[in-house]
Amino acid sequence: MNPEELELRDFLLKHSRSKSNGNFTEMGDNVLQARVLNPTCGDQVELRVLVISQQVQKIEYRTQSCAICAASASLLSTFCVGKKVSELAELNNRLQLTLQQPPESDWPTELQALKCWQHLRINPLRQRCALLPWTGLLRAVGNISAN
């Protein structure tokens, strides 16, 4: 492995072992929840999302999953805080499209914090692992109107 690959691996392992994994707190009445499962591999993600005034304030998660899925939940829990609910579906679509591009393609500016997933462009089966927390997030906020 070259130094860049080692750095990426360490970054993802750090996120996959994040202390926030499994530590739900009391967030009050504005909490939206979702539980999603990838039946192909058995990954499970449970999300709790605090939304105030159409803006994501906090995301907590629990996973029983591979390292990629757990790391994705950790990254999502920081990347999406402060985003408007109305932005989330477009960010998810943009990430999915970006992952389908050839490995040498540029990574979009608005998704730079998620560039650690660039290596998944050559492994579509593992893309599902990284996208499962996004599916849960969209399911959790799906009943909020985009006013």
Foldseek 3Di string as FASTA:
>chain_A
DDPVVVVLVVLLQCQLPDPLAPDDDDDPDQWFWFWDADVVAGKIKIKIFHDDPQFTAFIGMHIDDDSLLSSLLSLCRPLRHGPGLVCLVVVLVLVVVQLCDPLVDDDDPSCVSVCSCSVCSVPVVCVCSNCRSSVGVCVRCVVPDRD
